[in-house]
N, C-alpha and C. Protein backbone atom coordinates (compact mmCIF):
# COMPACT_ATOMS: atom_id res chain seq x y z
N UNK A 1 -6.14 -14.63 4.94
CA UNK A 1 -6.78 -13.33 4.86
C UNK A 1 -7.18 -13.06 3.42
N UNK A 2 -8.33 -12.51 3.25
CA UNK A 2 -8.82 -12.16 1.93
C UNK A 2 -8.09 -10.90 1.45
N UNK A 3 -7.44 -10.98 0.31
CA UNK A 3 -6.64 -9.86 -0.20
C UNK A 3 -7.51 -8.66 -0.52
N UNK A 4 -8.73 -8.92 -1.02
CA UNK A 4 -9.62 -7.81 -1.33
C UNK A 4 -9.95 -7.00 -0.07
N UNK A 5 -10.18 -7.69 1.04
CA UNK A 5 -10.47 -7.00 2.30
C UNK A 5 -9.24 -6.25 2.82
N UNK A 6 -8.07 -6.85 2.65
CA UNK A 6 -6.84 -6.18 3.07
C UNK A 6 -6.61 -4.92 2.24
N UNK A 7 -6.89 -4.99 0.95
CA UNK A 7 -6.72 -3.83 0.07
C UNK A 7 -7.68 -2.72 0.47
N UNK A 8 -8.90 -3.07 0.89
CA UNK A 8 -9.85 -2.06 1.32
C UNK A 8 -9.44 -1.45 2.65
N UNK A 9 -8.84 -2.24 3.53
CA UNK A 9 -8.41 -1.74 4.83
C UNK A 9 -7.20 -0.82 4.69
N UNK A 10 -6.29 -1.18 3.79
CA UNK A 10 -5.09 -0.38 3.56
C UNK A 10 -5.30 0.51 2.33
N UNK A 11 -6.21 1.46 2.43
CA UNK A 11 -6.55 2.29 1.29
C UNK A 11 -6.32 3.77 1.57
N UNK A 12 -6.39 4.55 0.53
CA UNK A 12 -6.23 6.00 0.66
C UNK A 12 -7.32 6.58 1.53
N UNK A 13 -8.56 6.03 1.43
CA UNK A 13 -9.64 6.57 2.26
C UNK A 13 -9.41 6.35 3.74
N UNK A 14 -8.85 5.20 4.10
CA UNK A 14 -8.54 4.93 5.51
C UNK A 14 -7.45 5.87 5.99
N UNK A 15 -6.41 6.07 5.17
CA UNK A 15 -5.33 6.99 5.54
C UNK A 15 -5.86 8.41 5.70
N UNK A 16 -6.75 8.82 4.79
CA UNK A 16 -7.34 10.17 4.87
C UNK A 16 -8.20 10.33 6.11
N UNK A 17 -8.98 9.29 6.45
CA UNK A 17 -9.83 9.35 7.64
C UNK A 17 -9.00 9.44 8.92
N UNK A 18 -7.93 8.67 8.98
CA UNK A 18 -7.05 8.73 10.15
C UNK A 18 -6.39 10.11 10.28
N UNK A 19 -5.95 10.64 9.16
CA UNK A 19 -5.31 11.96 9.17
C UNK A 19 -6.31 13.05 9.58
N UNK A 20 -7.54 12.92 9.10
CA UNK A 20 -8.58 13.88 9.45
C UNK A 20 -8.89 13.83 10.95
N UNK A 21 -8.99 12.63 11.51
CA UNK A 21 -9.23 12.48 12.94
C UNK A 21 -8.08 13.07 13.75
N UNK A 22 -6.85 12.90 13.26
CA UNK A 22 -5.69 13.50 13.92
C UNK A 22 -5.79 15.03 13.90
N UNK A 23 -6.14 15.59 12.74
CA UNK A 23 -6.23 17.05 12.61
C UNK A 23 -7.35 17.64 13.46
N UNK A 24 -8.42 16.87 13.64
CA UNK A 24 -9.51 17.34 14.51
C UNK A 24 -9.15 17.25 15.98
N UNK A 25 -8.11 16.48 16.30
CA UNK A 25 -7.71 16.31 17.69
C UNK A 25 -8.55 15.29 18.44
N UNK A 26 -9.12 14.35 17.73
CA UNK A 26 -9.94 13.30 18.37
C UNK A 26 -9.09 12.48 19.34
N UNK A 27 -9.70 12.11 20.42
CA UNK A 27 -9.01 11.32 21.43
C UNK A 27 -8.62 9.96 20.86
N UNK A 28 -7.39 9.55 21.10
CA UNK A 28 -6.90 8.26 20.62
C UNK A 28 -6.20 8.33 19.28
N UNK A 29 -6.25 9.47 18.62
CA UNK A 29 -5.61 9.62 17.32
C UNK A 29 -4.43 10.59 17.36
N UNK A 30 -3.90 10.85 18.55
CA UNK A 30 -2.85 11.84 18.71
C UNK A 30 -1.49 11.36 18.20
N UNK A 31 -1.32 10.08 17.96
CA UNK A 31 -0.03 9.60 17.45
C UNK A 31 -0.23 8.63 16.28
N UNK A 32 -1.13 8.96 15.38
CA UNK A 32 -1.45 8.03 14.29
C UNK A 32 -0.78 8.38 12.97
N UNK A 33 0.09 9.38 12.93
CA UNK A 33 0.72 9.76 11.66
C UNK A 33 1.62 8.68 11.09
N UNK A 34 2.25 7.89 11.94
CA UNK A 34 3.04 6.76 11.47
C UNK A 34 2.16 5.72 10.78
N UNK A 35 0.98 5.50 11.34
CA UNK A 35 0.03 4.57 10.74
C UNK A 35 -0.49 5.11 9.42
N UNK A 36 -0.73 6.40 9.34
CA UNK A 36 -1.16 7.04 8.10
C UNK A 36 -0.11 6.82 7.01
N UNK A 37 1.14 7.02 7.36
CA UNK A 37 2.24 6.83 6.41
C UNK A 37 2.32 5.36 5.96
N UNK A 38 2.21 4.44 6.90
CA UNK A 38 2.26 3.01 6.59
C UNK A 38 1.12 2.59 5.66
N UNK A 39 -0.10 3.02 5.98
CA UNK A 39 -1.27 2.67 5.15
C UNK A 39 -1.12 3.24 3.74
N UNK A 40 -0.60 4.46 3.63
CA UNK A 40 -0.39 5.08 2.31
C UNK A 40 0.62 4.29 1.48
N UNK A 41 1.70 3.86 2.10
CA UNK A 41 2.72 3.08 1.39
C UNK A 41 2.15 1.75 0.93
N UNK A 42 1.42 1.06 1.80
CA UNK A 42 0.83 -0.22 1.43
C UNK A 42 -0.18 -0.03 0.30
N UNK A 43 -0.98 1.03 0.34
CA UNK A 43 -1.94 1.31 -0.73
C UNK A 43 -1.23 1.52 -2.06
N UNK A 44 -0.14 2.28 -2.05
CA UNK A 44 0.62 2.50 -3.28
C UNK A 44 1.23 1.19 -3.79
N UNK A 45 1.70 0.36 -2.89
CA UNK A 45 2.26 -0.93 -3.31
C UNK A 45 1.19 -1.83 -3.92
N UNK A 46 -0.01 -1.87 -3.34
CA UNK A 46 -1.11 -2.62 -3.94
C UNK A 46 -1.38 -2.13 -5.36
N UNK A 47 -1.40 -0.80 -5.54
CA UNK A 47 -1.65 -0.24 -6.86
C UNK A 47 -0.56 -0.63 -7.85
N UNK A 48 0.69 -0.57 -7.42
CA UNK A 48 1.81 -0.91 -8.30
C UNK A 48 1.76 -2.37 -8.69
N UNK A 49 1.53 -3.25 -7.72
CA UNK A 49 1.54 -4.68 -8.01
C UNK A 49 0.32 -5.15 -8.79
N UNK A 50 -0.77 -4.38 -8.76
CA UNK A 50 -1.98 -4.76 -9.49
C UNK A 50 -2.11 -4.03 -10.83
N UNK A 51 -1.09 -3.30 -11.24
CA UNK A 51 -1.18 -2.53 -12.47
C UNK A 51 -1.16 -3.44 -13.69
N UNK A 52 -1.95 -3.04 -14.70
CA UNK A 52 -2.04 -3.85 -15.91
C UNK A 52 -2.05 -3.02 -17.18
N UNK A 53 -2.07 -1.73 -17.10
CA UNK A 53 -2.20 -0.92 -18.29
C UNK A 53 -1.15 0.18 -18.35
N UNK A 54 -0.75 0.54 -19.54
CA UNK A 54 0.23 1.61 -19.73
C UNK A 54 -0.41 2.99 -19.64
N UNK A 55 -1.72 3.08 -19.79
CA UNK A 55 -2.41 4.36 -19.88
C UNK A 55 -2.82 4.95 -18.54
N UNK A 56 -2.60 4.26 -17.47
CA UNK A 56 -3.03 4.71 -16.14
C UNK A 56 -2.04 5.73 -15.57
N UNK A 57 -2.43 6.32 -14.44
CA UNK A 57 -1.58 7.30 -13.76
C UNK A 57 -0.43 6.63 -13.02
N UNK A 58 0.33 7.40 -12.28
CA UNK A 58 1.60 6.97 -11.68
C UNK A 58 1.51 5.63 -10.98
N UNK A 59 0.68 5.50 -9.94
CA UNK A 59 0.66 4.26 -9.16
C UNK A 59 -0.15 3.16 -9.82
N UNK A 60 -1.08 3.51 -10.67
CA UNK A 60 -1.91 2.51 -11.34
C UNK A 60 -1.28 2.02 -12.63
N UNK A 61 -0.26 2.70 -13.12
CA UNK A 61 0.41 2.30 -14.34
C UNK A 61 1.40 1.18 -14.04
N UNK A 62 1.62 0.32 -15.02
CA UNK A 62 2.56 -0.77 -14.78
C UNK A 62 3.98 -0.21 -14.61
N UNK A 63 4.75 -0.85 -13.78
CA UNK A 63 6.10 -0.41 -13.49
C UNK A 63 7.02 -0.78 -14.64
N UNK A 64 7.70 0.22 -15.17
CA UNK A 64 8.61 0.00 -16.30
C UNK A 64 9.80 0.93 -16.17
N UNK A 65 10.78 0.76 -17.01
CA UNK A 65 12.02 1.50 -16.93
C UNK A 65 11.80 3.02 -16.98
N UNK A 66 10.82 3.48 -17.74
CA UNK A 66 10.60 4.92 -17.92
C UNK A 66 9.96 5.60 -16.71
N UNK A 67 9.26 4.85 -15.86
CA UNK A 67 8.53 5.51 -14.77
C UNK A 67 8.91 5.04 -13.37
N UNK A 68 9.93 4.21 -13.24
CA UNK A 68 10.22 3.67 -11.90
C UNK A 68 10.70 4.74 -10.93
N UNK A 69 11.26 5.84 -11.41
CA UNK A 69 11.68 6.92 -10.51
C UNK A 69 10.52 7.76 -10.04
N UNK A 70 9.37 7.71 -10.73
CA UNK A 70 8.19 8.48 -10.33
C UNK A 70 7.53 7.89 -9.11
N UNK A 71 7.76 6.62 -8.81
CA UNK A 71 7.13 5.93 -7.69
C UNK A 71 7.98 6.17 -6.45
N UNK A 72 7.38 6.75 -5.39
CA UNK A 72 8.15 7.14 -4.22
C UNK A 72 7.95 6.24 -3.01
N UNK A 73 7.64 4.99 -3.20
CA UNK A 73 7.42 4.08 -2.07
C UNK A 73 8.73 3.65 -1.47
């Protein structure tokens, strides 16, 4: 599997779209909150593992002793 495609599939936008469809009451999305939670966690993990700079925000910043408690995955 191409990691770039997996990262796009497991993204914040996909989680937001699923949550929006759930809130609208669309048919077939009545029990997707577990999937929304899973996709959000995977997206945060991708961000953490791909971090390279100290100047980025919480999930995009590299994991270090000073900020490991800020990450809620």
